[in-house]
C-alpha atoms as a PDB file:
ATOM      1  CA  MET A   1       0.000   0.000   0.000  1.00  0.00           C
ATOM      2  CA  LEU A   2       0.973   3.654  -0.328  1.00  0.00           C
ATOM      3  CA  LYS A   3       0.786   5.885   2.729  1.00  0.00           C
ATOM      4  CA  PRO A   4       1.173   9.670   2.669  1.00  0.00           C
ATOM      5  CA  ALA A   5       4.335  10.792   4.436  1.00  0.00           C
ATOM      6  CA  GLU A   6       2.284  13.250   6.481  1.00  0.00           C
ATOM      7  CA  LEU A   7       0.599  10.305   8.231  1.00  0.00           C
ATOM      8  CA  ILE A   8       3.945   8.689   9.080  1.00  0.00           C
ATOM      9  CA  GLU A   9       5.560  11.773  10.597  1.00  0.00           C
ATOM     10  CA  LEU A  10       2.750  12.343  13.120  1.00  0.00           C
ATOM     11  CA  ARG A  11       3.710  12.917  16.760  1.00  0.00           C
ATOM     12  CA  GLY A  12       1.789  11.614  19.735  1.00  0.00           C
ATOM     13  CA  VAL A  13       0.932   8.142  18.424  1.00  0.00           C
ATOM     14  CA  GLY A  14       2.466   6.436  21.480  1.00  0.00           C
ATOM     15  CA  PRO A  15      -0.850   5.257  22.990  1.00  0.00           C
ATOM     16  CA  LEU A  16      -1.643   3.231  19.850  1.00  0.00           C
ATOM     17  CA  THR A  17      -1.052  -0.518  19.913  1.00  0.00           C
ATOM     18  CA  LEU A  18       0.385  -2.587  17.093  1.00  0.00           C
ATOM     19  CA  HIS A  19      -3.170  -3.672  16.222  1.00  0.00           C
ATOM     20  CA  ASP A  20      -4.318  -0.025  16.151  1.00  0.00           C
ATOM     21  CA  ARG A  21      -1.540   0.890  13.733  1.00  0.00           C
ATOM     22  CA  ARG A  22      -2.371  -1.983  11.405  1.00  0.00           C
ATOM     23  CA  LEU A  23      -6.053  -1.047  11.472  1.00  0.00           C
ATOM     24  CA  PHE A  24      -5.353   2.612  10.682  1.00  0.00           C
ATOM     25  CA  ASN A  25      -3.342   1.580   7.629  1.00  0.00           C
ATOM     26  CA  GLN A  26      -6.151  -0.739   6.514  1.00  0.00           C
ATOM     27  CA  LEU A  27      -8.643   2.114   6.775  1.00  0.00           C
ATOM     28  CA  ILE A  28      -6.341   4.440   4.833  1.00  0.00           C
ATOM     29  CA  GLU A  29      -5.910   1.847   2.099  1.00  0.00           C
ATOM     30  CA  ALA A  30      -9.649   1.077   1.875  1.00  0.00           C
ATOM     31  CA  ALA A  31     -10.301   4.803   1.385  1.00  0.00           C
ATOM     32  CA  TRP A  32      -7.417   5.324  -1.045  1.00  0.00           C
ATOM     33  CA  GLY A  33      -8.091   7.664  -3.939  1.00  0.00           C
ATOM     34  CA  PRO A  34      -9.029  11.297  -4.515  1.00  0.00           C
ATOM     35  CA  GLN A  35     -11.926  10.935  -2.069  1.00  0.00           C
ATOM     36  CA  LEU A  36      -9.486  10.439   0.812  1.00  0.00           C
ATOM     37  CA  GLY A  37      -8.770  14.162   0.753  1.00  0.00           C
ATOM     38  CA  GLU A  38     -12.452  15.184   0.805  1.00  0.00           C
ATOM     39  CA  PRO A  39     -13.490  16.377   4.288  1.00  0.00           C
ATOM     40  CA  GLY A  40     -16.577  14.551   5.551  1.00  0.00           C
ATOM     41  CA  ARG A  41     -16.385  11.767   2.995  1.00  0.00           C
ATOM     42  CA  GLU A  42     -17.604   8.361   4.248  1.00  0.00           C
ATOM     43  CA  PHE A  43     -16.092   5.003   3.326  1.00  0.00           C
ATOM     44  CA  THR A  44     -17.337   1.473   3.889  1.00  0.00           C
ATOM     45  CA  VAL A  45     -15.321  -1.715   4.371  1.00  0.00           C
ATOM     46  CA  ALA A  46     -16.303  -5.243   5.414  1.00  0.00           C
ATOM     47  CA  THR A  47     -15.427  -5.932   9.046  1.00  0.00           C
ATOM     48  CA  ALA A  48     -14.185  -9.355   7.922  1.00  0.00           C
ATOM     49  CA  ASP A  49     -11.349  -7.552   6.113  1.00  0.00           C
ATOM     50  CA  LEU A  50     -10.268  -5.866   9.348  1.00  0.00           C
ATOM     51  CA  LYS A  51      -9.942  -8.856  11.671  1.00  0.00           C
ATOM     52  CA  LEU A  52      -9.100 -12.532  11.839  1.00  0.00           C
ATOM     53  CA  PRO A  53     -11.817 -15.017  10.775  1.00  0.00           C
ATOM     54  CA  ASP A  54     -12.494 -16.236  14.334  1.00  0.00           C
ATOM     55  CA  GLU A  55     -12.066 -12.842  16.012  1.00  0.00           C
ATOM     56  CA  SER A  56     -15.009 -10.994  17.532  1.00  0.00           C
ATOM     57  CA  ASN A  57     -15.707  -7.312  16.967  1.00  0.00           C
ATOM     58  CA  THR A  58     -14.533  -6.460  20.492  1.00  0.00           C
ATOM     59  CA  ARG A  59     -10.882  -5.909  19.592  1.00  0.00           C
ATOM     60  CA  LEU A  60     -11.871  -4.015  16.453  1.00  0.00           C
ATOM     61  CA  VAL A  61     -14.106  -1.663  18.435  1.00  0.00           C
ATOM     62  CA  GLU A  62     -11.391  -1.088  21.045  1.00  0.00           C
ATOM     63  CA  SER A  63      -8.924  -0.079  18.320  1.00  0.00           C
ATOM     64  CA  ILE A  64     -11.483   2.161  16.632  1.00  0.00           C
ATOM     65  CA  GLU A  65     -12.113   3.980  19.892  1.00  0.00           C
ATOM     66  CA  ARG A  66      -8.387   4.468  20.545  1.00  0.00           C
ATOM     67  CA  LEU A  67      -7.984   5.940  17.057  1.00  0.00           C
ATOM     68  CA  MET A  68     -10.839   8.332  17.843  1.00  0.00           C
ATOM     69  CA  ARG A  69      -9.411   9.339  21.238  1.00  0.00           C
ATOM     70  CA  THR A  70      -5.762   9.725  20.299  1.00  0.00           C
ATOM     71  CA  ILE A  71      -4.752  13.309  19.579  1.00  0.00           C
ATOM     72  CA  VAL A  72      -1.729  13.540  17.284  1.00  0.00           C
ATOM     73  CA  VAL A  73       0.323  16.491  16.073  1.00  0.00           C
ATOM     74  CA  ALA A  74       1.106  17.163  12.419  1.00  0.00           C
ATOM     75  CA  ARG A  75       3.683  19.739  11.368  1.00  0.00           C
ATOM     76  CA  GLY A  76       2.963  21.665   8.175  1.00  0.00           C
ATOM     77  CA  PRO A  77       5.520  22.890   5.602  1.00  0.00           C
ATOM     78  CA  ASP A  78       5.468  26.288   7.292  1.00  0.00           C
ATOM     79  CA  GLY A  79       6.211  24.762  10.693  1.00  0.00           C
ATOM     80  CA  ALA A  80       2.697  25.241  12.019  1.00  0.00           C
ATOM     81  CA  GLU A  81       1.456  22.441  14.275  1.00  0.00           C
ATOM     82  CA  THR A  82      -2.041  21.011  13.876  1.00  0.00           C
ATOM     83  CA  ARG A  83      -3.644  18.768  16.502  1.00  0.00           C
ATOM     84  CA  LEU A  84      -6.125  16.259  15.202  1.00  0.00           C
ATOM     85  CA  GLN A  85      -7.766  12.877  15.714  1.00  0.00           C
ATOM     86  CA  LEU A  86      -7.021   9.904  13.477  1.00  0.00           C
ATOM     87  CA  LEU A  87     -10.593   8.731  12.944  1.00  0.00           C
ATOM     88  CA  GLY A  88     -13.958  10.457  12.787  1.00  0.00           C
ATOM     89  CA  THR A  89     -17.488   9.208  13.266  1.00  0.00           C
ATOM     90  CA  ASN A  90     -18.191   5.618  12.285  1.00  0.00           C
ATOM     91  CA  THR A  91     -20.871   2.942  12.377  1.00  0.00           C
ATOM     92  CA  ILE A  92     -20.587  -0.843  12.555  1.00  0.00           C
ATOM     93  CA  ARG A  93     -23.501  -2.775  11.086  1.00  0.00           C
ATOM     94  CA  THR A  94     -23.676  -6.516  11.658  1.00  0.00           C
ATOM     95  CA  THR A  95     -25.835  -9.319  10.309  1.00  0.00           C
ATOM     96  CA  VAL A  96     -25.788 -13.038  11.010  1.00  0.00           C
ATOM     97  CA  ASN A  97     -22.984 -13.748   8.570  1.00  0.00           C
ATOM     98  CA  SER A  98     -21.344 -10.407   7.811  1.00  0.00           C
ATOM     99  CA  GLY A  99     -20.731  -6.848   8.908  1.00  0.00           C
ATOM    100  CA  THR A 100     -19.539  -3.498   7.631  1.00  0.00           C
ATOM    101  CA  LEU A 101     -17.754  -0.488   9.054  1.00  0.00           C
ATOM    102  CA  THR A 102     -18.729   2.899   7.657  1.00  0.00           C
ATOM    103  CA  TYR A 103     -16.254   5.563   8.731  1.00  0.00           C
ATOM    104  CA  SER A 104     -14.899   9.007   8.027  1.00  0.00           C
ATOM    105  CA  PHE A 105     -11.679  10.847   8.702  1.00  0.00           C
ATOM    106  CA  PRO A 106     -11.621  14.181  10.548  1.00  0.00           C
ATOM    107  CA  PRO A 107     -11.640  17.169   8.159  1.00  0.00           C
ATOM    108  CA  LYS A 108      -8.161  18.293   9.214  1.00  0.00           C
ATOM    109  CA  LEU A 109      -6.693  14.879   8.435  1.00  0.00           C
ATOM    110  CA  ALA A 110      -8.330  14.905   5.005  1.00  0.00           C
ATOM    111  CA  GLU A 111      -6.861  18.345   4.355  1.00  0.00           C
ATOM    112  CA  LEU A 112      -3.456  17.116   5.509  1.00  0.00           C
ATOM    113  CA  VAL A 113      -3.239  14.382   2.852  1.00  0.00           C
ATOM    114  CA  ARG A 114      -5.102  16.149   0.059  1.00  0.00           C
ATOM    115  CA  ASP A 115      -2.010  17.657  -1.527  1.00  0.00           C
ATOM    116  CA  SER A 116       0.494  15.034  -0.424  1.00  0.00           C
ATOM    117  CA  SER A 117       3.295  14.338  -2.898  1.00  0.00           C
ATOM    118  CA  ILE A 118       5.556  12.035  -0.851  1.00  0.00           C
ATOM    119  CA  PHE A 119       4.499   8.483  -0.042  1.00  0.00           C
ATOM    120  CA  ALA A 120       5.903   5.407   1.649  1.00  0.00           C
ATOM    121  CA  LYS A 121       5.435   2.060  -0.072  1.00  0.00           C
ATOM    122  CA  LEU A 122       4.500  -0.536   2.533  1.00  0.00           C
ATOM    123  CA  ASP A 123       4.292  -4.303   2.153  1.00  0.00           C
ATOM    124  CA  HIS A 124       1.208  -6.070   3.567  1.00  0.00           C
ATOM    125  CA  ALA A 125       3.038  -9.278   4.446  1.00  0.00           C
ATOM    126  CA  VAL A 126       5.745  -7.368   6.303  1.00  0.00           C
ATOM    127  CA  MET A 127       3.243  -5.282   8.275  1.00  0.00           C
ATOM    128  CA  ARG A 128       1.318  -8.406   9.303  1.00  0.00           C
ATOM    129  CA  SER A 129       4.501 -10.092  10.533  1.00  0.00           C
ATOM    130  CA  PHE A 130       5.703  -7.567  13.107  1.00  0.00           C
ATOM    131  CA  SER A 131       5.343  -8.438  16.775  1.00  0.00           C
ATOM    132  CA  SER A 132       6.623  -5.056  18.012  1.00  0.00           C
ATOM    133  CA  LYS A 133       4.829  -1.765  17.462  1.00  0.00           C
ATOM    134  CA  TYR A 134       8.234  -0.076  17.569  1.00  0.00           C
ATOM    135  CA  ALA A 135       9.393  -2.211  14.642  1.00  0.00           C
ATOM    136  CA  PHE A 136       6.216  -1.280  12.773  1.00  0.00           C
ATOM    137  CA  ALA A 137       6.919   2.419  13.330  1.00  0.00           C
ATOM    138  CA  LEU A 138      10.575   2.109  12.328  1.00  0.00           C
ATOM    139  CA  TYR A 139       9.628   0.228   9.141  1.00  0.00           C
ATOM    140  CA  GLU A 140       7.230   3.013   8.144  1.00  0.00           C
ATOM    141  CA  ALA A 141       9.807   5.694   8.902  1.00  0.00           C
ATOM    142  CA  ILE A 142      12.502   4.010   6.798  1.00  0.00           C
ATOM    143  CA  SER A 143      10.047   3.285   3.966  1.00  0.00           C
ATOM    144  CA  ARG A 144       9.303   7.004   3.875  1.00  0.00           C
ATOM    145  CA  ARG A 145      13.035   7.877   3.721  1.00  0.00           C
ATOM    146  CA  ILE A 146      14.469   5.129   1.537  1.00  0.00           C
ATOM    147  CA  ARG A 147      13.947   6.966  -1.748  1.00  0.00           C
ATOM    148  CA  LEU A 148      15.662  10.159  -0.631  1.00  0.00           C
ATOM    149  CA  ARG A 149      18.627  10.540  -2.941  1.00  0.00           C
ATOM    150  CA  HIS A 150      22.076  11.087  -1.443  1.00  0.00           C
ATOM    151  CA  VAL A 151      20.621  10.829   2.074  1.00  0.00           C
ATOM    152  CA  CYS A 152      21.103   7.674   4.111  1.00  0.00           C
ATOM    153  CA  THR A 153      21.640   8.960   7.647  1.00  0.00           C
ATOM    154  CA  GLU A 154      19.738  11.210  10.009  1.00  0.00           C
ATOM    155  CA  GLU A 155      20.432  12.517  13.489  1.00  0.00           C
ATOM    156  CA  LYS A 156      17.689  12.497  16.098  1.00  0.00           C
ATOM    157  CA  ASP A 157      17.716  13.809  19.616  1.00  0.00           C
ATOM    158  CA  ILE A 158      16.273  11.493  22.248  1.00  0.00           C
ATOM    159  CA  ALA A 159      12.817  13.056  22.081  1.00  0.00           C
ATOM    160  CA  GLY A 160      12.826  12.782  18.294  1.00  0.00           C
ATOM    161  CA  MET A 161      13.751   9.099  18.375  1.00  0.00           C
ATOM    162  CA  ARG A 162      11.034   8.404  20.925  1.00  0.00           C
ATOM    163  CA  GLU A 163       8.501  10.115  18.660  1.00  0.00           C
ATOM    164  CA  LEU A 164       9.716   8.224  15.592  1.00  0.00           C
ATOM    165  CA  LEU A 165       9.269   4.883  17.377  1.00  0.00           C
ATOM    166  CA  GLY A 166       6.002   5.894  19.035  1.00  0.00           C
ATOM    167  CA  VAL A 167       7.145   5.551  22.648  1.00  0.00           C
ATOM    168  CA  GLU A 168       4.556   6.870  25.082  1.00  0.00           C
ATOM    169  CA  PRO A 169       5.476   9.772  27.380  1.00  0.00           C
ATOM    170  CA  GLY A 170       6.512   8.486  30.786  1.00  0.00           C
ATOM    171  CA  LYS A 171       7.603   5.083  29.486  1.00  0.00           C
ATOM    172  CA  LEU A 172      11.156   3.843  28.847  1.00  0.00           C
ATOM    173  CA  ASP A 173      12.605   7.094  30.165  1.00  0.00           C
ATOM    174  CA  LEU A 174      16.026   5.621  30.930  1.00  0.00           C
ATOM    175  CA  PHE A 175      18.351   5.146  27.966  1.00  0.00           C
ATOM    176  CA  LYS A 176      19.017   1.482  28.810  1.00  0.00           C
ATOM    177  CA  ASN A 177      15.284   0.763  28.862  1.00  0.00           C
ATOM    178  CA  LEU A 178      14.661   2.628  25.624  1.00  0.00           C
ATOM    179  CA  GLN A 179      17.525   0.753  23.996  1.00  0.00           C
ATOM    180  CA  LYS A 180      16.502  -2.690  25.260  1.00  0.00           C
ATOM    181  CA  LYS A 181      12.712  -2.473  25.023  1.00  0.00           C
ATOM    182  CA  ALA A 182      12.211  -0.329  21.907  1.00  0.00           C
ATOM    183  CA  ILE A 183      15.310   0.231  19.753  1.00  0.00           C
ATOM    184  CA  GLU A 184      16.808  -3.257  19.825  1.00  0.00           C
ATOM    185  CA  PRO A 185      13.519  -5.134  19.146  1.00  0.00           C
ATOM    186  CA  ALA A 186      12.697  -2.684  16.349  1.00  0.00           C
ATOM    187  CA  LEU A 187      16.087  -3.110  14.679  1.00  0.00           C
ATOM    188  CA  THR A 188      16.015  -6.892  15.049  1.00  0.00           C
ATOM    189  CA  GLU A 189      12.665  -7.296  13.293  1.00  0.00           C
ATOM    190  CA  VAL A 190      13.179  -4.637  10.623  1.00  0.00           C
ATOM    191  CA  ASN A 191      16.599  -6.020   9.689  1.00  0.00           C
ATOM    192  CA  ALA A 192      15.243  -9.569   9.604  1.00  0.00           C
ATOM    193  CA  ILE A 193      12.070  -9.336   7.503  1.00  0.00           C
ATOM    194  CA  THR A 194      12.199  -6.115   5.494  1.00  0.00           C
ATOM    195  CA  PRO A 195      14.237  -5.096   2.421  1.00  0.00           C
ATOM    196  CA  TYR A 196      16.226  -2.648   4.551  1.00  0.00           C
ATOM    197  CA  ASN A 197      19.334  -2.659   6.715  1.00  0.00           C
ATOM    198  CA  VAL A 198      18.979  -0.125   9.520  1.00  0.00           C
ATOM    199  CA  THR A 199      21.345   1.019  12.257  1.00  0.00           C
ATOM    200  CA  ILE A 200      20.623   3.273  15.226  1.00  0.00           C
ATOM    201  CA  LEU A 201      23.730   4.291  17.132  1.00  0.00           C
ATOM    202  CA  PRO A 202      23.846   6.426  20.284  1.00  0.00           C
ATOM    203  CA  LYS A 203      25.395   9.865  19.978  1.00  0.00           C
ATOM    204  CA  LYS A 204      27.299  10.914  23.087  1.00  0.00           C
ATOM    205  CA  GLU A 205      28.662  14.043  24.651  1.00  0.00           C
ATOM    206  CA  GLY A 206      31.228  12.685  27.078  1.00  0.00           C
ATOM    207  CA  LYS A 207      29.511   9.705  28.691  1.00  0.00           C
ATOM    208  CA  LYS A 208      26.004  11.067  28.251  1.00  0.00           C
ATOM    209  CA  VAL A 209      23.768   9.908  25.401  1.00  0.00           C
ATOM    210  CA  VAL A 210      22.236  13.011  23.815  1.00  0.00           C
ATOM    211  CA  GLY A 211      20.735  11.518  20.677  1.00  0.00           C
ATOM    212  CA  PHE A 212      21.033   8.921  17.941  1.00  0.00           C
ATOM    213  CA  ILE A 213      22.414   8.548  14.435  1.00  0.00           C
ATOM    214  CA  MET A 214      20.109   6.481  12.240  1.00  0.00           C
ATOM    215  CA  GLY A 215      21.346   4.968   8.981  1.00  0.00           C
ATOM    216  CA  TRP A 216      19.591   2.909   6.311  1.00  0.00           C
ATOM    217  CA  ALA A 217      20.156   1.126   3.012  1.00  0.00           C
ATOM    218  CA  VAL A 218      18.455  -1.379   0.725  1.00  0.00           C
ATOM    219  CA  LYS A 219      19.809  -4.909   1.175  1.00  0.00           C
ATOM    220  CA  ASP A 220      21.840  -6.631  -1.504  1.00  0.00           C
ATOM    221  CA  GLU A 221      20.382  -9.600  -3.388  1.00  0.00           C
ATOM    222  CA  ALA A 222      21.475 -12.149  -0.790  1.00  0.00           C
ATOM    223  CA  GLY A 223      20.020 -10.040   2.005  1.00  0.00           C
ATOM    224  CA  LEU A 224      16.722  -9.622   0.180  1.00  0.00           C
ATOM    225  CA  LYS A 225      16.452 -13.374  -0.338  1.00  0.00           C
ATOM    226  CA  GLU A 226      17.140 -14.078   3.337  1.00  0.00           C
ATOM    227  CA  ALA A 227      14.601 -11.477   4.460  1.00  0.00           C
ATOM    228  CA  TYR A 228      11.987 -13.002   2.162  1.00  0.00           C
ATOM    229  CA  ALA A 229      12.798 -16.470   3.476  1.00  0.00           C
ATOM    230  CA  GLU A 230      12.435 -15.358   7.106  1.00  0.00           C
ATOM    231  CA  LEU A 231       9.220 -13.533   6.310  1.00  0.00           C
ATOM    232  CA  ASN A 232       7.758 -16.798   5.033  1.00  0.00           C
ATOM    233  CA  ARG A 233       8.943 -18.909   7.948  1.00  0.00           C
ATOM    234  CA  PRO A 234       6.498 -19.511  10.827  1.00  0.00           C
ATOM    235  CA  ARG A 235       6.323 -16.678  13.340  1.00  0.00           C
ATOM    236  CA  VAL A 236       6.527 -19.306  16.060  1.00  0.00           C
ATOM    237  CA  GLY A 237      10.201 -19.577  16.926  1.00  0.00           C
ATOM    238  CA  ARG A 238      11.191 -16.359  15.137  1.00  0.00           C
ATOM    239  CA  LYS A 239      12.358 -14.669  18.310  1.00  0.00           C
ATOM    240  CA  GLU A 240      14.673 -17.582  19.034  1.00  0.00           C
ATOM    241  CA  ARG A 241      16.010 -17.538  15.468  1.00  0.00           C
ATOM    242  CA  LEU A 242      16.622 -13.785  15.423  1.00  0.00           C
ATOM    243  CA  TYR A 243      18.325 -13.650  18.782  1.00  0.00           C
ATOM    244  CA  GLY A 244      20.437 -16.699  18.030  1.00  0.00           C
ATOM    245  CA  THR A 245      18.996 -18.938  20.741  1.00  0.00           C
ATOM    246  CA  ALA A 246      17.818 -21.581  18.277  1.00  0.00           C
ATOM    247  CA  GLU A 247      20.038 -24.063  16.491  1.00  0.00           C
ATOM    248  CA  THR A 248      19.328 -22.391  13.148  1.00  0.00           C
ATOM    249  CA  SER A 249      19.928 -18.645  13.134  1.00  0.00           C
ATOM    250  CA  ILE A 250      19.942 -16.036  10.377  1.00  0.00           C
ATOM    251  CA  THR A 251      22.356 -13.306   9.473  1.00  0.00           C
ATOM    252  CA  THR A 252      20.937  -9.785   9.515  1.00  0.00           C
END
């Protein structure tokens, strides 16, 4: 799917779960086209397309409500900050064998993407395979940057890296916790199952970590083949394979 860069660079998405992020992308894709930028426009999608076959609507509704409650911040080309919700009014209709979700995006969000000219190309299979919401966020961020010519590194202060990964305020405040619980899991998954090699190195002033240097590149042919192979292996046992605790490990 294609996703406007403006919807990847949002700040304040920390409260969203991995399931919420997947759902938001599904709703964006189902509404894709010129109508996406029309304020007040309604879209309809089958609820079966938004959840697993044996899954009730409970989890879907919980994610919908978090998308409605979460206030995010978008920065315009002129530096102005706009606060907005990710999802507007919606209705779920159910029958014995089927159901539909009719939804709309808030007017400000529609305006935000109406004139978008930069997009990230995201792979469905990759997005379904992540177990970490931080990996999901890092994958989107790199997908948005990968086509930038002559640019393959970026410096982020600590706050900027937390925003990029979608770490909630008040969580993982210590560097060691941020590194272990967010950065390392994100790098491990992204480097294992996506077309990209990514590094995030701490930037220090003396002994104090003041930020990070993030680098990225497209894998060579051998790396792409290995990523594709891991993507198609069972998710069960992946953690052991990636962290080298199983007999068969992969090179990332």
